[in-house]
Amino acid sequence: MTTMSPAELLKFNPWWEDPEAIHKLDRISFWKNSPVKWQSRLMYTLDLSKDIVYTIRGPRQIGKTTQIQLLIERLMESGVPPRNIFYWSCDIIDNKKDLSELILSYIKNVPKTEEIRRFIFLDEVTSVRDWQEGIKHLADGGLFKKTTVIATGSSSMDIRRGAERLPGRKGHVKEEIPDRIFLSMKFSEYAETLDPKIKRKIRKLLISSRRRRKILLTLFEGKIPDEIKELALNSNELSNLFEMYLLTGGIPKAVHYLKEENSIPTSLYNDQINAIVGGICKGNLNESYLRQVLRRVIKTNTTPVSWRDLVKDTDISHHTTGQNYVTALKDVFVLSYCYRLNLSSGFAKFSGDKKLFFCDPFFFHSLNYLINAGDPFKNSEDIVTNPVEVSKVVENVIYNHLVRMAFCFFHTIQFFEPENFLFFWKDKKNREIDFIVKTEKGFLPFEVKYRNEIKKSDLYGLLSFLRIRKGKGVVISKNTLEERDSYVIIPAYLFLLLI
């Protein structure tokens, strides 16, 4: 790539010539005409007054580019001159040299208002090999003064390795973490986005993360806080929203179609599959092996499994090959691991079996369609109306929300790894607790029982743990809200509002 002219740069930045063009972009037009007007909370946590390089990593097809364009629109509405904002989709850039030359073309050739901060948005930068070296070269040359750079990507490893080479990226960050993870809508955002009445209640009762954390810890005192009792008055609405969430996950377009057409088109499942498979197989992995591993992951979902068990009944000859495919799925934010807790050491037993969880219900439904064919929407409906199968989907949802909760307890850690803070546990009699979250003050045990009736015999694993570690537990149910001697039972749709 040679130095690009302002006319070539204008193709991705039409607002330079016509400020109204930002409102006419396809993604923004779709968002404004959709009943699902999600605005990610993460985008409001960025400090846009600093000279900083933010990295935002997360899966494809969940709305990152839309949120970036909405941020550009807000910047312009706040008075930032259009030419002080540069956007580029890095899918069409080959290497770090081309990336540097592209940014230099903008900095040197496009007139801007000097006294006002400049904003550079690099979308899907992980598609550029060694992208961070191109960015660092410009930063070291002093070209990012009075400039905020926001780089997005879909690979946790590519953008993480890149971010680690940028300035100020090690250990604990006292003021602000510049490297963020952009995930699909969590359930509280989902409920707020779809129901204005619920949004008002959440904003009133759960206004801050500090208050939500206090309410959560009150549950572990064996008490149901008044805020939860108040939200329980809207159980019918919340339960209906949660049933929708189990179909659509936090994917805005899936929610849009379910709201508008009472169905989700097969093309959307295919788009998600292509984004996942394309992101993995471009790294020279075999698609046939990927399908076989996914079949085993779906079959063993929510149960402890070894790497050897994972390649059972496949054409894969060695378990490390299967492990590589699962790691690739983890790197594109599709799967996550949960290891067994060694209670004596307080850490995971990394050499033992692990549970594998899907990072969003829609990822699960899409990949289930890839493996089992059929009508994907009908298959999804069949799963969420089957008591056994839906309980697995709920357990995946709870796991992913607990990951976010654990992050809030340790939010100053630069690169948070959930397997260091979220575990399952078994006692000597093999009685299990679904999840244990490690905090600075100890361990918080959670059991998921997504059913109408919960008996004491269902909770022997939890009770065994509480005999060893004195305290209370939380049982996540379908509809029951109740205080019992050693634990609180709370419906999933209420519990998830706290995260």
Protein backbone atom coordinates (compact mmCIF):
# COMPACT_ATOMS: atom_id res chain seq x y z
CA MET A 1 0.00 0.00 0.00
CA THR A 2 1.39 3.38 -0.97
CA THR A 3 0.45 6.61 0.78
CA MET A 4 -3.29 7.09 0.37
CA SER A 5 -4.84 10.31 -0.86
CA PRO A 6 -7.53 12.15 1.14
CA ALA A 7 -10.02 11.15 -1.57
CA GLU A 8 -9.30 7.45 -0.91
CA LEU A 9 -9.59 7.94 2.85
CA LEU A 10 -12.92 9.68 2.36
CA LYS A 11 -14.54 6.38 1.30
CA PHE A 12 -14.60 5.17 4.92
CA ASN A 13 -15.09 8.65 6.39
CA PRO A 14 -17.94 10.27 4.42
CA TRP A 15 -18.71 12.64 7.31
CA TRP A 16 -15.60 14.67 6.42
CA GLU A 17 -17.48 16.06 3.43
CA ASP A 18 -21.06 15.75 4.70
CA PRO A 19 -21.55 15.63 8.50
CA GLU A 20 -25.05 14.23 7.97
CA ALA A 21 -23.55 11.12 6.35
CA ILE A 22 -22.83 9.58 9.76
CA HIS A 23 -26.59 9.26 10.37
CA LYS A 24 -27.06 7.47 7.03
CA LEU A 25 -24.57 4.64 7.56
CA ASP A 26 -26.24 1.25 7.11
CA ARG A 27 -25.53 0.02 10.63
CA ILE A 28 -26.71 3.22 12.29
CA SER A 29 -29.85 3.31 10.13
CA PHE A 30 -30.62 -0.32 11.05
CA TRP A 31 -30.04 0.45 14.75
CA LYS A 32 -32.30 3.50 14.71
CA ASN A 33 -35.12 1.63 12.96
CA SER A 34 -34.84 -1.43 15.21
CA PRO A 35 -36.79 -2.07 18.42
CA VAL A 36 -33.45 -3.20 19.89
CA LYS A 37 -31.47 -0.03 20.56
CA TRP A 38 -28.67 -1.49 22.63
CA GLN A 39 -25.94 0.90 23.69
CA SER A 40 -23.06 -1.01 25.24
CA ARG A 41 -22.13 0.23 28.69
CA LEU A 42 -18.49 -0.48 27.85
CA MET A 43 -18.36 2.31 25.27
CA TYR A 44 -19.34 4.82 27.94
CA THR A 45 -16.43 3.78 30.19
CA LEU A 46 -13.75 4.96 27.75
CA ASP A 47 -11.96 8.15 28.78
CA LEU A 48 -11.89 10.05 25.50
CA SER A 49 -9.85 12.94 26.95
CA LYS A 50 -6.59 10.97 27.18
CA ASP A 51 -3.70 10.18 24.88
CA ILE A 52 -4.22 6.43 25.01
CA VAL A 53 -4.46 3.38 22.77
CA TYR A 54 -7.53 1.37 23.76
CA THR A 55 -7.95 -2.18 22.54
CA ILE A 56 -11.44 -3.64 22.42
CA ARG A 57 -11.62 -7.37 21.75
CA GLY A 58 -14.66 -9.56 21.38
CA PRO A 59 -16.45 -12.01 19.07
CA ARG A 60 -17.60 -11.12 15.57
CA GLN A 61 -21.23 -10.45 14.66
CA ILE A 62 -22.24 -9.00 18.04
CA GLY A 63 -22.32 -5.31 17.12
CA LYS A 64 -18.82 -3.92 17.78
CA THR A 65 -18.74 -1.91 14.55
CA THR A 66 -22.23 -0.53 15.19
CA GLN A 67 -21.18 0.62 18.66
CA ILE A 68 -18.04 2.25 17.22
CA GLN A 69 -20.12 4.14 14.65
CA LEU A 70 -22.58 5.23 17.34
CA LEU A 71 -19.63 6.54 19.35
CA ILE A 72 -18.41 8.49 16.30
CA GLU A 73 -21.91 9.95 15.96
CA ARG A 74 -21.90 11.02 19.63
CA LEU A 75 -18.47 12.62 19.26
CA MET A 76 -19.68 14.68 16.31
CA GLU A 77 -22.85 15.67 18.16
CA SER A 78 -20.67 16.81 21.07
CA GLY A 79 -18.80 19.21 18.79
CA VAL A 80 -15.78 17.25 17.58
CA PRO A 81 -15.00 18.41 14.02
CA PRO A 82 -15.70 15.62 11.49
CA ARG A 83 -12.14 15.59 10.14
CA ASN A 84 -10.76 15.00 13.61
CA ILE A 85 -12.36 11.54 13.46
CA PHE A 86 -10.76 8.80 11.35
CA TYR A 87 -12.23 5.30 10.87
CA TRP A 88 -10.82 2.37 8.90
CA SER A 89 -11.80 -1.27 8.54
CA CYS A 90 -8.50 -3.13 8.78
CA ASP A 91 -9.79 -6.26 7.01
CA ILE A 92 -8.35 -4.81 3.80
CA ILE A 93 -4.87 -4.02 5.18
CA ASP A 94 -2.11 -6.56 4.58
CA ASN A 95 0.66 -5.73 7.07
CA LYS A 96 2.00 -3.40 9.77
CA LYS A 97 3.79 -1.19 7.23
CA ASP A 98 0.56 -0.59 5.34
CA LEU A 99 -1.18 0.17 8.64
CA SER A 100 1.44 2.78 9.59
CA GLU A 101 1.29 4.37 6.13
CA LEU A 102 -2.50 4.49 6.27
CA ILE A 103 -2.50 6.37 9.59
CA LEU A 104 0.30 8.67 8.40
CA SER A 105 -1.74 9.46 5.30
CA TYR A 106 -4.54 10.66 7.53
CA ILE A 107 -2.36 12.59 9.99
CA LYS A 108 -0.32 14.37 7.32
CA ASN A 109 -2.85 14.96 4.55
CA VAL A 110 -6.26 15.56 6.12
CA PRO A 111 -6.77 19.05 7.57
CA LYS A 112 -8.11 19.07 11.12
CA THR A 113 -8.84 21.52 13.92
CA GLU A 114 -5.53 21.51 15.82
CA GLU A 115 -6.75 22.61 19.25
CA ILE A 116 -9.33 19.80 19.43
CA ARG A 117 -8.50 16.14 20.16
CA ARG A 118 -8.21 13.68 17.31
CA PHE A 119 -9.83 10.20 17.35
CA ILE A 120 -8.56 7.23 15.33
CA PHE A 121 -10.72 4.08 15.08
CA LEU A 122 -9.08 0.92 13.70
CA ASP A 123 -11.74 -1.77 13.28
CA GLU A 124 -10.73 -5.48 13.23
CA VAL A 125 -7.06 -4.62 13.62
CA THR A 126 -6.25 -8.24 14.50
CA SER A 127 -6.50 -9.07 10.81
CA VAL A 128 -3.19 -7.18 10.37
CA ARG A 129 -0.09 -9.21 11.23
CA ASP A 130 2.04 -7.49 13.94
CA TRP A 131 -0.37 -4.56 13.98
CA GLN A 132 0.93 -3.36 17.34
CA GLU A 133 4.38 -2.67 15.92
CA GLY A 134 2.90 -0.28 13.38
CA ILE A 135 0.97 1.51 16.13
CA LYS A 136 3.96 1.61 18.50
CA HIS A 137 6.20 3.05 15.76
CA LEU A 138 3.85 6.02 15.35
CA ALA A 139 3.36 6.45 19.10
CA ASP A 140 7.12 6.45 19.73
CA GLY A 141 7.47 9.11 17.03
CA GLY A 142 5.12 11.42 18.95
CA LEU A 143 2.41 11.32 16.31
CA PHE A 144 -0.37 10.43 18.75
CA LYS A 145 -0.22 13.60 20.84
CA LYS A 146 -3.70 14.86 21.64
CA THR A 147 -5.01 11.67 20.03
CA THR A 148 -7.16 8.80 21.31
CA VAL A 149 -6.79 5.54 19.40
CA ILE A 150 -9.41 2.76 19.64
CA ALA A 151 -8.44 -0.56 18.05
CA THR A 152 -10.91 -3.45 17.89
CA GLY A 153 -10.37 -7.13 17.15
CA SER A 154 -11.98 -10.57 17.26
CA SER A 155 -9.06 -12.67 18.48
CA SER A 156 -8.18 -12.61 22.17
CA MET A 157 -4.64 -13.85 21.51
CA ASP A 158 -3.78 -11.53 18.61
CA ILE A 159 -4.99 -8.38 20.28
CA ARG A 160 -3.69 -9.44 23.69
CA ARG A 161 -0.19 -10.16 22.38
CA GLY A 162 -0.34 -6.89 20.51
CA ALA A 163 -1.60 -4.89 23.48
CA GLU A 164 1.12 -6.28 25.73
CA ARG A 165 3.73 -4.66 23.47
CA LEU A 166 2.15 -1.23 23.72
CA PRO A 167 3.24 1.21 26.49
CA GLY A 168 1.80 0.87 30.00
CA ARG A 169 0.34 -2.60 29.62
CA LYS A 170 1.68 -4.75 32.46
CA GLY A 171 0.25 -6.01 35.76
CA HIS A 172 -2.26 -3.86 37.64
CA VAL A 173 -3.35 -0.51 36.22
CA LYS A 174 -4.23 1.96 38.96
CA GLU A 175 -6.15 4.53 36.93
CA GLU A 176 -7.68 2.69 34.01
CA ILE A 177 -7.40 -0.53 32.06
CA PRO A 178 -6.82 0.35 28.39
CA ASP A 179 -7.60 -3.16 27.14
CA ARG A 180 -11.29 -4.05 27.18
CA ILE A 181 -13.42 -7.04 26.32
CA PHE A 182 -16.60 -6.36 24.34
CA LEU A 183 -19.11 -9.16 24.84
CA SER A 184 -22.70 -9.67 23.80
CA MET A 185 -25.50 -8.17 25.88
CA LYS A 186 -25.73 -9.52 29.37
CA PHE A 187 -29.25 -10.13 30.63
CA SER A 188 -29.58 -6.88 32.60
CA GLU A 189 -28.72 -4.89 29.45
CA TYR A 190 -31.14 -7.05 27.48
CA ALA A 191 -33.99 -6.38 29.90
CA GLU A 192 -33.22 -2.64 30.00
CA THR A 193 -33.08 -2.43 26.21
CA LEU A 194 -36.38 -4.22 25.60
CA ASP A 195 -38.58 -3.01 28.46
CA PRO A 196 -38.59 0.70 29.48
CA LYS A 197 -40.41 -0.08 32.75
CA ILE A 198 -37.77 -2.63 33.73
CA LYS A 199 -35.07 -0.16 32.74
CA ARG A 200 -36.47 2.47 35.10
CA LYS A 201 -36.58 -0.02 37.96
CA ILE A 202 -33.05 -1.28 37.34
CA ARG A 203 -31.72 2.27 37.16
CA LYS A 204 -33.52 3.14 40.38
CA LEU A 205 -32.71 0.03 42.44
CA LEU A 206 -29.40 -1.11 40.95
CA ILE A 207 -27.95 2.22 39.91
CA SER A 208 -24.27 1.41 40.53
CA SER A 209 -21.98 -1.59 40.45
CA ARG A 210 -21.22 -0.94 44.11
CA ARG A 211 -24.90 -1.28 45.03
CA ARG A 212 -25.30 -4.43 42.95
CA ARG A 213 -22.26 -5.93 44.64
CA LYS A 214 -23.68 -5.09 48.07
CA ILE A 215 -26.99 -6.75 47.19
CA LEU A 216 -25.16 -9.80 45.89
CA LEU A 217 -23.14 -10.17 49.09
CA THR A 218 -26.35 -9.81 51.11
CA LEU A 219 -27.58 -13.00 49.44
CA PHE A 220 -24.55 -14.75 50.91
CA GLU A 221 -25.72 -13.67 54.35
CA GLY A 222 -28.84 -15.76 53.72
CA LYS A 223 -31.10 -12.74 53.18
CA ILE A 224 -33.21 -11.57 50.25
CA PRO A 225 -32.70 -7.79 49.92
CA ASP A 226 -35.66 -5.46 49.49
CA GLU A 227 -34.44 -4.50 46.01
CA ILE A 228 -34.83 -8.11 44.86
CA LYS A 229 -38.31 -8.29 46.39
CA GLU A 230 -39.25 -5.15 44.50
CA LEU A 231 -37.94 -6.51 41.20
CA ALA A 232 -39.80 -9.77 41.86
CA LEU A 233 -43.05 -7.84 41.34
CA ASN A 234 -42.10 -7.87 37.65
CA SER A 235 -41.40 -11.60 37.56
CA ASN A 236 -43.79 -12.25 34.66
CA GLU A 237 -42.12 -9.70 32.40
CA LEU A 238 -38.61 -10.76 33.44
CA SER A 239 -39.36 -14.45 33.00
CA ASN A 240 -40.64 -13.82 29.46
CA LEU A 241 -37.56 -11.76 28.63
CA PHE A 242 -35.30 -14.52 29.95
CA GLU A 243 -37.05 -17.11 27.80
CA MET A 244 -36.34 -14.89 24.79
CA TYR A 245 -32.73 -14.45 25.90
CA LEU A 246 -32.24 -18.22 25.89
CA LEU A 247 -33.13 -18.17 22.18
CA THR A 248 -31.38 -15.03 20.98
CA GLY A 249 -28.56 -14.64 23.47
CA GLY A 250 -27.24 -11.10 23.60
CA ILE A 251 -26.94 -10.75 19.81
CA PRO A 252 -28.78 -7.56 18.75
CA LYS A 253 -29.80 -8.75 15.27
CA ALA A 254 -31.18 -12.03 16.63
CA VAL A 255 -33.26 -10.06 19.14
CA HIS A 256 -34.39 -7.69 16.38
CA TYR A 257 -35.75 -10.50 14.20
CA LEU A 258 -37.41 -12.31 17.08
CA LYS A 259 -39.17 -9.09 18.09
CA GLU A 260 -40.10 -8.06 14.54
CA GLU A 261 -40.84 -11.43 12.91
CA ASN A 262 -41.30 -13.82 15.85
CA SER A 263 -38.52 -15.92 14.33
CA ILE A 264 -34.82 -15.77 13.51
CA PRO A 265 -33.79 -16.29 9.85
CA THR A 266 -31.48 -19.14 8.96
CA SER A 267 -29.18 -16.62 7.28
CA LEU A 268 -28.33 -15.10 10.67
CA TYR A 269 -27.25 -18.48 12.06
CA ASN A 270 -25.16 -18.94 8.92
CA ASP A 271 -23.55 -15.51 9.37
CA GLN A 272 -22.57 -16.46 12.92
CA ILE A 273 -21.21 -19.82 11.79
CA ASN A 274 -19.17 -18.23 9.00
CA ALA A 275 -17.73 -15.66 11.42
CA ILE A 276 -16.68 -18.37 13.88
CA VAL A 277 -15.45 -20.98 11.43
CA GLY A 278 -13.76 -18.37 9.22
CA GLY A 279 -11.96 -16.87 12.20
CA ILE A 280 -10.61 -20.28 13.23
CA CYS A 281 -9.87 -21.98 9.93
CA LYS A 282 -7.91 -19.04 8.52
CA GLY A 283 -5.27 -20.23 11.00
CA ASN A 284 -4.84 -23.44 8.92
CA LEU A 285 -7.04 -25.60 11.13
CA ASN A 286 -9.11 -28.35 9.54
CA GLU A 287 -12.85 -27.64 9.30
CA SER A 288 -13.72 -31.35 9.48
CA TYR A 289 -11.81 -31.70 12.74
CA LEU A 290 -13.46 -28.53 14.03
CA ARG A 291 -16.92 -29.98 13.39
CA GLN A 292 -15.99 -33.22 15.17
CA VAL A 293 -14.65 -31.36 18.19
CA LEU A 294 -17.77 -29.21 18.31
CA ARG A 295 -19.97 -32.30 18.22
CA ARG A 296 -18.14 -33.60 21.31
CA VAL A 297 -18.24 -30.21 23.04
CA ILE A 298 -22.01 -30.02 22.56
CA LYS A 299 -22.48 -33.58 23.78
CA THR A 300 -20.36 -33.05 26.93
CA ASN A 301 -21.53 -29.48 27.59
CA THR A 302 -21.75 -28.64 31.34
CA THR A 303 -20.11 -31.94 32.39
CA PRO A 304 -16.44 -32.40 33.37
CA VAL A 305 -14.42 -33.77 30.48
CA SER A 306 -10.77 -34.60 29.78
CA TRP A 307 -8.95 -33.73 26.57
CA ARG A 308 -8.84 -37.44 25.75
CA ASP A 309 -12.59 -37.82 26.24
CA LEU A 310 -13.14 -34.83 24.00
CA VAL A 311 -11.64 -36.56 20.95
CA LYS A 312 -13.37 -39.87 21.63
CA ASP A 313 -15.24 -41.17 18.56
CA THR A 314 -13.54 -38.65 16.27
CA ASP A 315 -10.91 -38.97 13.52
CA ILE A 316 -8.47 -37.00 15.66
CA SER A 317 -5.58 -39.24 16.68
CA HIS A 318 -4.13 -37.24 19.58
CA HIS A 319 -5.83 -35.35 22.39
CA THR A 320 -3.53 -32.34 22.04
CA THR A 321 -4.99 -31.75 18.58
CA GLY A 322 -8.47 -31.59 20.08
CA GLN A 323 -7.14 -29.23 22.73
CA ASN A 324 -5.79 -26.94 20.01
CA TYR A 325 -9.24 -26.67 18.42
CA VAL A 326 -10.90 -25.89 21.73
CA THR A 327 -8.24 -23.27 22.43
CA ALA A 328 -8.93 -21.73 19.02
CA LEU A 329 -12.64 -21.53 19.91
CA LYS A 330 -11.70 -19.89 23.20
CA ASP A 331 -9.49 -17.36 21.41
CA VAL A 332 -12.43 -16.16 19.29
CA PHE A 333 -14.68 -15.87 22.39
CA VAL A 334 -16.92 -18.84 21.59
CA LEU A 335 -15.95 -21.19 24.43
CA SER A 336 -14.59 -20.79 27.93
CA TYR A 337 -13.09 -23.24 30.45
CA CYS A 338 -14.01 -23.96 34.03
CA TYR A 339 -11.66 -26.14 36.11
CA ARG A 340 -12.19 -28.00 39.36
CA LEU A 341 -11.19 -26.13 42.50
CA ASN A 342 -8.48 -27.53 44.72
CA LEU A 343 -9.83 -26.26 48.00
CA SER A 344 -6.55 -26.80 49.86
CA SER A 345 -4.53 -24.58 47.54
CA GLY A 346 -7.34 -22.24 46.54
CA PHE A 347 -6.47 -22.66 42.86
CA ALA A 348 -7.69 -24.65 39.88
CA LYS A 349 -6.60 -28.23 39.19
CA PHE A 350 -5.43 -27.49 35.67
CA SER A 351 -4.34 -31.07 35.07
CA GLY A 352 -7.80 -32.46 35.75
CA ASP A 353 -11.10 -32.48 33.89
CA LYS A 354 -12.69 -29.22 32.92
CA LYS A 355 -16.12 -27.99 31.88
CA LEU A 356 -16.56 -26.17 28.58
CA PHE A 357 -19.18 -23.46 28.23
CA PHE A 358 -20.49 -21.50 25.27
CA CYS A 359 -20.09 -17.75 25.66
CA ASP A 360 -23.57 -16.91 24.36
CA PRO A 361 -26.75 -18.95 23.76
CA PHE A 362 -26.86 -17.86 20.12
CA PHE A 363 -23.35 -19.21 19.56
CA PHE A 364 -24.54 -22.54 20.92
CA HIS A 365 -27.67 -22.59 18.75
CA SER A 366 -25.70 -21.62 15.64
CA LEU A 367 -23.02 -24.27 16.13
CA ASN A 368 -25.64 -26.86 17.04
CA TYR A 369 -27.20 -26.10 13.63
CA LEU A 370 -23.80 -26.54 11.99
CA ILE A 371 -23.45 -30.00 13.54
CA ASN A 372 -27.03 -31.28 13.47
CA ALA A 373 -28.62 -29.39 10.53
CA GLY A 374 -32.42 -29.05 10.48
CA ASP A 375 -34.30 -25.79 10.98
CA PRO A 376 -32.10 -23.83 13.39
CA PHE A 377 -34.86 -21.72 14.92
CA LYS A 378 -37.15 -24.71 15.46
CA ASN A 379 -34.24 -26.65 16.93
CA SER A 380 -33.57 -23.76 19.32
CA GLU A 381 -37.22 -23.64 20.39
CA ASP A 382 -37.21 -27.40 20.98
CA ILE A 383 -34.12 -27.10 23.18
CA VAL A 384 -35.42 -24.27 25.37
CA THR A 385 -38.75 -26.04 25.91
CA ASN A 386 -37.06 -29.30 26.91
CA PRO A 387 -36.52 -29.26 30.72
CA VAL A 388 -33.23 -31.18 30.55
CA GLU A 389 -31.74 -29.30 27.60
CA VAL A 390 -32.80 -25.83 28.71
CA SER A 391 -31.15 -26.37 32.09
CA LYS A 392 -27.83 -26.79 30.24
CA VAL A 393 -28.37 -23.57 28.29
CA VAL A 394 -29.14 -21.76 31.56
CA GLU A 395 -26.00 -23.15 33.18
CA ASN A 396 -23.96 -21.73 30.30
CA VAL A 397 -25.64 -18.34 30.76
CA ILE A 398 -24.99 -18.36 34.52
CA TYR A 399 -21.34 -19.30 33.99
CA ASN A 400 -20.75 -16.41 31.58
CA HIS A 401 -22.42 -13.91 33.88
CA LEU A 402 -20.38 -15.18 36.83
CA VAL A 403 -17.26 -14.57 34.76
CA ARG A 404 -18.33 -10.93 34.46
CA MET A 405 -19.09 -10.83 38.17
CA ALA A 406 -15.67 -12.25 39.04
CA PHE A 407 -14.07 -9.63 36.81
CA CYS A 408 -15.84 -6.90 38.80
CA PHE A 409 -14.23 -8.26 41.98
CA PHE A 410 -10.78 -8.08 40.37
CA HIS A 411 -11.26 -5.29 37.82
CA THR A 412 -7.75 -3.84 38.14
CA ILE A 413 -6.13 -6.94 36.67
CA GLN A 414 -4.91 -6.11 33.18
CA PHE A 415 -5.61 -9.42 31.48
CA PHE A 416 -8.27 -11.23 33.50
CA GLU A 417 -8.37 -15.02 33.09
CA PRO A 418 -11.66 -16.48 34.40
CA GLU A 419 -10.23 -19.94 35.08
CA ASN A 420 -8.23 -18.39 37.94
CA PHE A 421 -11.35 -17.10 39.69
CA LEU A 422 -14.30 -19.32 38.72
CA PHE A 423 -14.41 -23.07 39.36
CA PHE A 424 -16.59 -26.11 39.96
CA TRP A 425 -16.00 -28.35 42.98
CA LYS A 426 -16.52 -31.95 44.08
CA ASP A 427 -16.21 -33.51 47.52
CA LYS A 428 -14.73 -36.93 48.28
CA LYS A 429 -18.07 -38.57 47.51
CA ASN A 430 -18.13 -36.90 44.09
CA ARG A 431 -20.95 -34.54 45.07
CA GLU A 432 -20.63 -31.41 42.97
CA ILE A 433 -21.19 -27.67 43.16
CA ASP A 434 -21.75 -26.05 39.78
CA PHE A 435 -19.74 -22.89 40.41
CA ILE A 436 -17.51 -21.29 43.02
CA VAL A 437 -16.33 -17.71 42.61
CA LYS A 438 -13.09 -16.71 44.29
CA THR A 439 -13.09 -13.25 45.87
CA GLU A 440 -10.65 -11.37 48.07
CA LYS A 441 -12.70 -12.44 51.10
CA GLY A 442 -13.21 -16.10 50.25
CA PHE A 443 -15.27 -18.40 48.06
CA LEU A 444 -18.89 -17.87 46.98
CA PRO A 445 -20.73 -21.11 46.05
CA PHE A 446 -23.51 -21.20 43.43
CA GLU A 447 -25.73 -24.11 42.46
CA VAL A 448 -27.96 -23.97 39.36
CA LYS A 449 -31.27 -25.84 39.63
CA TYR A 450 -33.45 -24.55 36.82
CA ARG A 451 -36.62 -26.36 37.82
CA ASN A 452 -39.91 -25.67 39.58
CA GLU A 453 -39.21 -27.74 42.71
CA ILE A 454 -35.91 -27.89 44.59
CA LYS A 455 -35.34 -30.57 47.20
CA LYS A 456 -32.64 -30.82 49.82
CA SER A 457 -31.36 -33.96 48.10
CA ASP A 458 -30.62 -31.82 45.01
CA LEU A 459 -28.14 -29.76 47.01
CA TYR A 460 -25.90 -32.30 48.76
CA GLY A 461 -22.82 -30.90 47.01
CA LEU A 462 -23.56 -27.37 48.19
CA LEU A 463 -24.32 -28.52 51.74
CA SER A 464 -21.11 -30.55 51.80
CA PHE A 465 -19.09 -27.48 50.82
CA LEU A 466 -20.83 -25.31 53.44
CA ARG A 467 -19.88 -27.80 56.15
CA ILE A 468 -16.24 -27.36 55.17
CA ARG A 469 -16.36 -23.62 54.55
CA LYS A 470 -18.79 -21.95 56.91
CA GLY A 471 -21.16 -19.52 55.27
CA LYS A 472 -24.19 -19.39 53.01
CA GLY A 473 -24.78 -20.34 49.39
CA VAL A 474 -26.94 -19.22 46.49
CA VAL A 475 -29.17 -21.57 44.51
CA ILE A 476 -30.31 -20.26 41.13
CA SER A 477 -33.79 -21.52 40.26
CA LYS A 478 -36.44 -21.18 37.60
CA ASN A 479 -39.08 -19.32 39.61
CA THR A 480 -38.48 -19.91 43.35
CA LEU A 481 -37.47 -16.99 45.60
CA GLU A 482 -36.95 -18.20 49.15
CA GLU A 483 -34.68 -18.02 52.19
CA ARG A 484 -33.61 -21.35 53.68
CA ASP A 485 -31.29 -22.24 56.54
CA SER A 486 -28.00 -22.43 54.63
CA TYR A 487 -28.79 -20.77 51.35
CA VAL A 488 -30.99 -18.40 49.38
CA ILE A 489 -32.93 -19.55 46.32
CA ILE A 490 -33.37 -16.92 43.62
CA PRO A 491 -34.75 -17.13 40.06
CA ALA A 492 -32.18 -16.84 37.28
CA TYR A 493 -33.93 -13.81 35.79
CA LEU A 494 -33.59 -11.91 39.10
CA PHE A 495 -30.07 -13.03 39.91
CA LEU A 496 -28.73 -12.01 36.51
CA LEU A 497 -29.93 -8.44 36.98
CA LEU A 498 -27.23 -8.05 39.65
CA ILE A 499 -24.43 -8.54 37.11
